[in-house]
């Protein structure tokens, strides 16, 4: 449910589709910082605003699996 988990997924996806993938830890760190800066405030706000819907889905599933 934590929005930061979805931010981590966004970062992962964006780093994986880069034209030149990172070849070492230093390049990976640089790519993550760069992609972090490319996440828009709208994307972050949407994740936070989705929390009510996510929590409701978990409650409706009695703690079971949801599509989130």
PDB file of N, CA and C in Angstrom:
ATOM      1  N   UNK A   1       0.800  -1.213   0.000  1.00  0.00           N
ATOM      2  CA  UNK A   1       0.000   0.000   0.000  1.00  0.00           C
ATOM      3  C   UNK A   1       0.838   1.271   0.000  1.00  0.00           C
ATOM      4  N   UNK A   2       2.059   1.164   0.384  1.00  0.00           N
ATOM      5  CA  UNK A   2       2.899   2.340   0.505  1.00  0.00           C
ATOM      6  C   UNK A   2       3.208   2.932  -0.873  1.00  0.00           C
ATOM      7  N   UNK A   3       2.894   4.218  -1.083  1.00  0.00           N
ATOM      8  CA  UNK A   3       3.158   4.827  -2.398  1.00  0.00           C
ATOM      9  C   UNK A   3       4.618   4.767  -2.821  1.00  0.00           C
ATOM     10  N   UNK A   4       5.542   4.762  -1.862  1.00  0.00           N
ATOM     11  CA  UNK A   4       6.955   4.740  -2.246  1.00  0.00           C
ATOM     12  C   UNK A   4       7.306   3.444  -2.967  1.00  0.00           C
ATOM     13  N   UNK A   5       6.588   2.354  -2.682  1.00  0.00           N
ATOM     14  CA  UNK A   5       6.828   1.107  -3.394  1.00  0.00           C
ATOM     15  C   UNK A   5       6.540   1.277  -4.884  1.00  0.00           C
ATOM     16  N   UNK A   6       5.524   2.046  -5.190  1.00  0.00           N
ATOM     17  CA  UNK A   6       5.175   2.289  -6.588  1.00  0.00           C
ATOM     18  C   UNK A   6       6.175   3.248  -7.240  1.00  0.00           C
ATOM     19  N   UNK A   7       6.717   4.162  -6.457  1.00  0.00           N
ATOM     20  CA  UNK A   7       7.770   5.039  -6.977  1.00  0.00           C
ATOM     21  C   UNK A   7       9.002   4.190  -7.308  1.00  0.00           C
ATOM     22  N   UNK A   8       9.315   3.238  -6.452  1.00  0.00           N
ATOM     23  CA  UNK A   8      10.445   2.340  -6.727  1.00  0.00           C
ATOM     24  C   UNK A   8      10.208   1.548  -8.011  1.00  0.00           C
ATOM     25  N   UNK A   9       8.968   1.102  -8.218  1.00  0.00           N
ATOM     26  CA  UNK A   9       8.642   0.394  -9.463  1.00  0.00           C
ATOM     27  C   UNK A   9       8.829   1.305 -10.672  1.00  0.00           C
ATOM     28  N   UNK A  10       8.384   2.560 -10.555  1.00  0.00           N
ATOM     29  CA  UNK A  10       8.564   3.521 -11.646  1.00  0.00           C
ATOM     30  C   UNK A  10      10.048   3.688 -11.966  1.00  0.00           C
ATOM     31  N   UNK A  11      10.860   3.863 -10.925  1.00  0.00           N
ATOM     32  CA  UNK A  11      12.299   4.026 -11.134  1.00  0.00           C
ATOM     33  C   UNK A  11      12.885   2.803 -11.813  1.00  0.00           C
ATOM     34  N   UNK A  12      12.508   1.639 -11.343  1.00  0.00           N
ATOM     35  CA  UNK A  12      13.007   0.392 -11.924  1.00  0.00           C
ATOM     36  C   UNK A  12      12.675   0.316 -13.410  1.00  0.00           C
ATOM     37  N   UNK A  13      11.418   0.593 -13.746  1.00  0.00           N
ATOM     38  CA  UNK A  13      10.993   0.527 -15.144  1.00  0.00           C
ATOM     39  C   UNK A  13      11.762   1.524 -16.002  1.00  0.00           C
ATOM     40  N   UNK A  14      11.918   2.737 -15.490  1.00  0.00           N
ATOM     41  CA  UNK A  14      12.584   3.779 -16.279  1.00  0.00           C
ATOM     42  C   UNK A  14      14.063   3.501 -16.480  1.00  0.00           C
ATOM     43  N   UNK A  15      14.712   2.944 -15.473  1.00  0.00           N
ATOM     44  CA  UNK A  15      16.131   2.620 -15.618  1.00  0.00           C
ATOM     45  C   UNK A  15      16.302   1.450 -16.589  1.00  0.00           C
ATOM     46  N   UNK A  16      15.394   0.486 -16.543  1.00  0.00           N
ATOM     47  CA  UNK A  16      15.501  -0.692 -17.418  1.00  0.00           C
ATOM     48  C   UNK A  16      15.317  -0.361 -18.902  1.00  0.00           C
ATOM     49  N   UNK A  17      14.564   0.692 -19.226  1.00  0.00           N
ATOM     50  CA  UNK A  17      14.317   1.011 -20.634  1.00  0.00           C
ATOM     51  C   UNK A  17      15.273   2.071 -21.182  1.00  0.00           C
ATOM     52  N   UNK A  18      16.254   2.452 -20.411  1.00  0.00           N
ATOM     53  CA  UNK A  18      17.223   3.441 -20.892  1.00  0.00           C
ATOM     54  C   UNK A  18      17.974   2.881 -22.098  1.00  0.00           C
ATOM     55  N   UNK A  19      18.303   3.765 -23.026  1.00  0.00           N
ATOM     56  CA  UNK A  19      19.035   3.347 -24.225  1.00  0.00           C
ATOM     57  C   UNK A  19      20.368   2.689 -23.869  1.00  0.00           C
ATOM     58  N   UNK A  20      21.054   3.258 -22.904  1.00  0.00           N
ATOM     59  CA  UNK A  20      22.323   2.691 -22.447  1.00  0.00           C
ATOM     60  C   UNK A  20      22.140   2.306 -20.981  1.00  0.00           C
ATOM     61  N   UNK A  21      22.012   1.014 -20.711  1.00  0.00           N
ATOM     62  CA  UNK A  21      21.775   0.591 -19.321  1.00  0.00           C
ATOM     63  C   UNK A  21      23.017   0.824 -18.452  1.00  0.00           C
ATOM     64  N   UNK A  22      22.797   1.053 -17.168  1.00  0.00           N
ATOM     65  CA  UNK A  22      23.935   1.212 -16.259  1.00  0.00           C
ATOM     66  C   UNK A  22      24.791  -0.057 -16.249  1.00  0.00           C
ATOM     67  N   UNK A  23      26.115   0.127 -16.229  1.00  0.00           N
ATOM     68  CA  UNK A  23      27.028  -1.014 -16.265  1.00  0.00           C
ATOM     69  C   UNK A  23      27.645  -1.326 -14.908  1.00  0.00           C
ATOM     70  N   UNK A  24      27.473  -0.430 -13.963  1.00  0.00           N
ATOM     71  CA  UNK A  24      28.041  -0.660 -12.637  1.00  0.00           C
ATOM     72  C   UNK A  24      27.219   0.111 -11.603  1.00  0.00           C
ATOM     73  N   UNK A  25      27.581  -0.032 -10.358  1.00  0.00           N
ATOM     74  CA  UNK A  25      26.805   0.578  -9.270  1.00  0.00           C
ATOM     75  C   UNK A  25      26.813   2.099  -9.374  1.00  0.00           C
ATOM     76  N   UNK A  26      27.937   2.658  -9.737  1.00  0.00           N
ATOM     77  CA  UNK A  26      28.030   4.123  -9.859  1.00  0.00           C
ATOM     78  C   UNK A  26      27.074   4.639 -10.937  1.00  0.00           C
ATOM     79  N   UNK A  27      27.059   3.992 -12.087  1.00  0.00           N
ATOM     80  CA  UNK A  27      26.149   4.393 -13.161  1.00  0.00           C
ATOM     81  C   UNK A  27      24.695   4.162 -12.768  1.00  0.00           C
ATOM     82  N   UNK A  28      24.439   3.075 -12.055  1.00  0.00           N
ATOM     83  CA  UNK A  28      23.082   2.800 -11.587  1.00  0.00           C
ATOM     84  C   UNK A  28      22.614   3.902 -10.646  1.00  0.00           C
ATOM     85  N   UNK A  29      23.471   4.296  -9.716  1.00  0.00           N
ATOM     86  CA  UNK A  29      23.120   5.368  -8.786  1.00  0.00           C
ATOM     87  C   UNK A  29      22.816   6.660  -9.544  1.00  0.00           C
ATOM     88  N   UNK A  30      23.643   6.977 -10.530  1.00  0.00           N
ATOM     89  CA  UNK A  30      23.412   8.178 -11.336  1.00  0.00           C
ATOM     90  C   UNK A  30      22.109   8.100 -12.111  1.00  0.00           C
ATOM     91  N   UNK A  31      21.822   6.930 -12.681  1.00  0.00           N
ATOM     92  CA  UNK A  31      20.578   6.752 -13.442  1.00  0.00           C
ATOM     93  C   UNK A  31      19.364   6.891 -12.534  1.00  0.00           C
ATOM     94  N   UNK A  32      19.446   6.328 -11.331  1.00  0.00           N
ATOM     95  CA  UNK A  32      18.327   6.430 -10.389  1.00  0.00           C
ATOM     96  C   UNK A  32      18.077   7.874  -9.982  1.00  0.00           C
ATOM     97  N   UNK A  33      19.148   8.612  -9.706  1.00  0.00           N
ATOM     98  CA  UNK A  33      19.000  10.025  -9.339  1.00  0.00           C
ATOM     99  C   UNK A  33      18.391  10.808 -10.493  1.00  0.00           C
ATOM    100  N   UNK A  34      18.861  10.531 -11.694  1.00  0.00           N
ATOM    101  CA  UNK A  34      18.328  11.236 -12.873  1.00  0.00           C
ATOM    102  C   UNK A  34      16.848  10.918 -13.079  1.00  0.00           C
ATOM    103  N   UNK A  35      16.506   9.646 -13.010  1.00  0.00           N
ATOM    104  CA  UNK A  35      15.104   9.259 -13.223  1.00  0.00           C
ATOM    105  C   UNK A  35      14.203   9.748 -12.091  1.00  0.00           C
ATOM    106  N   UNK A  36      14.740   9.797 -10.870  1.00  0.00           N
ATOM    107  CA  UNK A  36      13.975  10.359  -9.745  1.00  0.00           C
ATOM    108  C   UNK A  36      13.566  11.796 -10.076  1.00  0.00           C
ATOM    109  N   UNK A  37      14.502  12.547 -10.635  1.00  0.00           N
ATOM    110  CA  UNK A  37      14.212  13.930 -11.012  1.00  0.00           C
ATOM    111  C   UNK A  37      13.214  14.043 -12.146  1.00  0.00           C
ATOM    112  N   UNK A  38      13.029  12.981 -12.915  1.00  0.00           N
ATOM    113  CA  UNK A  38      12.093  12.996 -14.037  1.00  0.00           C
ATOM    114  C   UNK A  38      10.669  12.607 -13.646  1.00  0.00           C
ATOM    115  N   UNK A  39      10.468  12.159 -12.412  1.00  0.00           N
ATOM    116  CA  UNK A  39       9.112  11.812 -11.964  1.00  0.00           C
ATOM    117  C   UNK A  39       8.380  13.116 -11.663  1.00  0.00           C
ATOM    118  N   UNK A  40       7.262  13.298 -12.310  1.00  0.00           N
ATOM    119  CA  UNK A  40       6.533  14.557 -12.161  1.00  0.00           C
ATOM    120  C   UNK A  40       5.782  14.622 -10.829  1.00  0.00           C
ATOM    121  N   UNK A  41       5.512  15.823 -10.404  1.00  0.00           N
ATOM    122  CA  UNK A  41       4.716  16.022  -9.195  1.00  0.00           C
ATOM    123  C   UNK A  41       3.310  15.446  -9.378  1.00  0.00           C
ATOM    124  N   UNK A  42       2.796  15.489 -10.595  1.00  0.00           N
ATOM    125  CA  UNK A  42       1.478  14.910 -10.869  1.00  0.00           C
ATOM    126  C   UNK A  42       1.483  13.399 -10.639  1.00  0.00           C
ATOM    127  N   UNK A  43       2.544  12.729 -11.079  1.00  0.00           N
ATOM    128  CA  UNK A  43       2.633  11.282 -10.870  1.00  0.00           C
ATOM    129  C   UNK A  43       2.670  10.959  -9.381  1.00  0.00           C
ATOM    130  N   UNK A  44       3.437  11.723  -8.621  1.00  0.00           N
ATOM    131  CA  UNK A  44       3.518  11.494  -7.177  1.00  0.00           C
ATOM    132  C   UNK A  44       2.187  11.798  -6.498  1.00  0.00           C
ATOM    133  N   UNK A  45       1.547  12.891  -6.903  1.00  0.00           N
ATOM    134  CA  UNK A  45       0.254  13.246  -6.318  1.00  0.00           C
ATOM    135  C   UNK A  45      -0.787  12.172  -6.611  1.00  0.00           C
ATOM    136  N   UNK A  46      -0.768  11.618  -7.814  1.00  0.00           N
ATOM    137  CA  UNK A  46      -1.720  10.554  -8.161  1.00  0.00           C
ATOM    138  C   UNK A  46      -1.523   9.331  -7.276  1.00  0.00           C
ATOM    139  N   UNK A  47      -0.277   8.999  -6.983  1.00  0.00           N
ATOM    140  CA  UNK A  47      -0.014   7.855  -6.101  1.00  0.00           C
ATOM    141  C   UNK A  47      -0.556   8.107  -4.696  1.00  0.00           C
ATOM    142  N   UNK A  48      -0.324   9.293  -4.188  1.00  0.00           N
ATOM    143  CA  UNK A  48      -0.820   9.623  -2.846  1.00  0.00           C
ATOM    144  C   UNK A  48      -2.343   9.643  -2.839  1.00  0.00           C
ATOM    145  N   UNK A  49      -2.944  10.229  -3.854  1.00  0.00           N
ATOM    146  CA  UNK A  49      -4.407  10.324  -3.916  1.00  0.00           C
ATOM    147  C   UNK A  49      -5.059   8.959  -4.091  1.00  0.00           C
ATOM    148  N   UNK A  50      -4.325   7.990  -4.588  1.00  0.00           N
ATOM    149  CA  UNK A  50      -4.895   6.661  -4.787  1.00  0.00           C
ATOM    150  C   UNK A  50      -4.961   5.857  -3.489  1.00  0.00           C
ATOM    151  N   UNK A  51      -4.404   6.376  -2.425  1.00  0.00           N
ATOM    152  CA  UNK A  51      -4.357   5.628  -1.167  1.00  0.00           C
ATOM    153  C   UNK A  51      -5.742   5.261  -0.649  1.00  0.00           C
ATOM    154  N   UNK A  52      -6.693   6.176  -0.729  1.00  0.00           N
ATOM    155  CA  UNK A  52      -8.042   5.871  -0.237  1.00  0.00           C
ATOM    156  C   UNK A  52      -8.615   4.677  -1.001  1.00  0.00           C
ATOM    157  N   UNK A  53      -8.465   4.692  -2.312  1.00  0.00           N
ATOM    158  CA  UNK A  53      -8.969   3.600  -3.150  1.00  0.00           C
ATOM    159  C   UNK A  53      -8.244   2.285  -2.826  1.00  0.00           C
ATOM    160  N   UNK A  54      -6.956   2.348  -2.618  1.00  0.00           N
ATOM    161  CA  UNK A  54      -6.166   1.159  -2.301  1.00  0.00           C
ATOM    162  C   UNK A  54      -6.579   0.567  -0.950  1.00  0.00           C
ATOM    163  N   UNK A  55      -6.730   1.440   0.035  1.00  0.00           N
ATOM    164  CA  UNK A  55      -7.125   0.974   1.373  1.00  0.00           C
ATOM    165  C   UNK A  55      -8.522   0.362   1.343  1.00  0.00           C
ATOM    166  N   UNK A  56      -9.427   0.986   0.604  1.00  0.00           N
ATOM    167  CA  UNK A  56     -10.779   0.446   0.474  1.00  0.00           C
ATOM    168  C   UNK A  56     -10.743  -0.930  -0.173  1.00  0.00           C
ATOM    169  N   UNK A  57      -9.924  -1.098  -1.192  1.00  0.00           N
ATOM    170  CA  UNK A  57      -9.816  -2.393  -1.872  1.00  0.00           C
ATOM    171  C   UNK A  57      -9.304  -3.470  -0.918  1.00  0.00           C
ATOM    172  N   UNK A  58      -8.328  -3.125  -0.092  1.00  0.00           N
ATOM    173  CA  UNK A  58      -7.793  -4.100   0.868  1.00  0.00           C
ATOM    174  C   UNK A  58      -8.846  -4.464   1.908  1.00  0.00           C
ATOM    175  N   UNK A  59      -9.570  -3.456   2.386  1.00  0.00           N
ATOM    176  CA  UNK A  59     -10.644  -3.730   3.354  1.00  0.00           C
ATOM    177  C   UNK A  59     -11.721  -4.614   2.735  1.00  0.00           C
ATOM    178  N   UNK A  60     -12.115  -4.313   1.507  1.00  0.00           N
ATOM    179  CA  UNK A  60     -13.135  -5.112   0.822  1.00  0.00           C
ATOM    180  C   UNK A  60     -12.671  -6.549   0.575  1.00  0.00           C
ATOM    181  N   UNK A  61     -11.371  -6.731   0.422  1.00  0.00           N
ATOM    182  CA  UNK A  61     -10.819  -8.070   0.204  1.00  0.00           C
ATOM    183  C   UNK A  61     -10.461  -8.742   1.525  1.00  0.00           C
ATOM    184  N   UNK A  62     -10.841  -8.114   2.630  1.00  0.00           N
ATOM    185  CA  UNK A  62     -10.552  -8.655   3.973  1.00  0.00           C
ATOM    186  C   UNK A  62      -9.055  -8.947   4.128  1.00  0.00           C
ATOM    187  N   UNK A  63      -8.243  -8.057   3.575  1.00  0.00           N
ATOM    188  CA  UNK A  63      -6.801  -8.215   3.687  1.00  0.00           C
ATOM    189  C   UNK A  63      -6.202  -9.117   2.634  1.00  0.00           C
ATOM    190  N   UNK A  64      -7.034  -9.678   1.778  1.00  0.00           N
ATOM    191  CA  UNK A  64      -6.549 -10.578   0.735  1.00  0.00           C
ATOM    192  C   UNK A  64      -6.002  -9.823  -0.459  1.00  0.00           C
ATOM    193  N   UNK A  65      -5.822 -10.542  -1.535  1.00  0.00           N
ATOM    194  CA  UNK A  65      -5.225 -10.001  -2.763  1.00  0.00           C
ATOM    195  C   UNK A  65      -6.130  -8.945  -3.394  1.00  0.00           C
ATOM    196  N   UNK A  66      -5.517  -7.882  -3.883  1.00  0.00           N
ATOM    197  CA  UNK A  66      -6.221  -6.861  -4.666  1.00  0.00           C
ATOM    198  C   UNK A  66      -5.450  -6.673  -5.966  1.00  0.00           C
ATOM    199  N   UNK A  67      -5.970  -5.880  -6.860  1.00  0.00           N
ATOM    200  CA  UNK A  67      -5.282  -5.646  -8.131  1.00  0.00           C
ATOM    201  C   UNK A  67      -4.130  -4.661  -7.977  1.00  0.00           C
ATOM    202  N   UNK A  68      -3.961  -4.106  -6.792  1.00  0.00           N
ATOM    203  CA  UNK A  68      -2.877  -3.143  -6.583  1.00  0.00           C
ATOM    204  C   UNK A  68      -1.638  -3.866  -6.209  1.00  0.00           C
TER     205      UNK A  68
END
